[in-house]
Amino acid sequence: MELYIHLPFCRRKCRYCDFASRTGQEALMPACVDALLLEADASGFLGEAVETVFIGGGTPSLLPPEELTRLLKGLRTRFDWAADAEVTSEANPGTLTEKWLEAAVSCGVNRLSLGMQAAQTELLTLLGRIHTPEQAAESVRMAKAAGIRNLNLDLMFGLPTQTESQWRETLETALALVPQHLSCYGLIPEEGTPLKADLDAGRLRLPEEESERRMYEDVRRRLGEAGFVHYEVSNFALPGYACRHNTGYWTRASYLGLGASAASLLPGADGRRSLRRTNPRELRDYLDMVRDKDWARRETETVSPEEARFETLMLGLRLLDGVSEADFLREHGVTLEAWRGPKLRELAERGLTEHAGGRWRLTRLGLDLMNTALVELM
């Protein structure tokens, strides 16, 4: 099983972010840790073997070191962490400290994901980030000095005003920091965010579609030259450093989510991964739910066999290796051929999918037009 922990605290909300996080709630951090441990106690999975842990947010690096220690030690006593468990925490430059890193590493964190995003001060300001390029580099130095040997950097392209040369500069700056993993995301303007409002009002404009496509090609080319394996649409890793936790999501592994807005995918009554539940989004609502032990406040749904099949295909096609026909049959009791064979072959004739070695995958063109392919597969 995989374990996800959500910490919804931010010093300042980024202008593109619609994640469940808030500013000015630092006084609730101890209560949040209390609730996370109480939710774990009531999860029904005490003693369960855990292969990966991911602490996300929000900004986990805002949590005081003593509270981070209390949280991680508490979770280790409640679940059976594998000896080689991948334990990731997100962190933001500008909030990372040596004391926080010392606490994290001493409690088993062995992978850090830093939100670098861009190498230009003006783009960081446009995004509402609180750090400078220099602070990003200093955060990497501190992480390595603390013993982190598995480091991811998040980068964003397709930003308003961003030029192709700026994106290439960001890639080179990131590579110079010698990470083991890079997540390179195209900006998706989310409803309700300040950045989306600026775009709708015409105060900002996105790059042309062809320019954004060239930025994505720059990622694939340059990171390939640097020895990174492109293993998922937006993710690149040196050999042996693909993110095991996120790969679990893309292959529909069971995961337990703890915290405000955290989601879980768990075995249902049929023994299949068919139970999805999601905690209240707002922290105070989450704290009330745990205090009252009113678990009915969660959103709960049963994933139908048809939905589960589509999720397997949709998520699996994000991976460069694609979807195994044998694994699909084992999980769903029906072959991919019987379920979506004609449509997959139609997309193959258009150059969007390919079939080889008992797997269906997106082609290079299919990766560029992934949304089109997935909509048609529905």
Foldseek 3Di string as FASTA:
>chain_A
DAEEEEDQEDCDDWQQDPALHDYPPLVCLLLQLVLLLLCLVVVVQFAEEHQEYEYEYHAPLQRPLVSVLSNLVSVVNRYPYDPNHAYEYEHEQVRHDLSNLLSCVVSPHQEYEYALAFQDPVQCVVRVHPDHNVSVLVNLVSNVVSPHPAYEYEYEDQDWPDALVRLLVRVVSVVVSPHFKYFYYYRDRDPPGNRVVCCVVVVTDTDDPVRRVVSLVSVVVVVVVVQWDQWFLGMTGHPPRDDPNVVCQLQVHFYDYGAAQTKTQDQDPVRARFKIKTHHSHRVSSSVCSVVVVVVNIDIDGQDLVNVLLSNQLSQQRTQQAHAQVVSCVRRVDGCCVQQVVLLVVVVVVQQWDDDPRHIYGDPVVSSVVVVSSVSSD
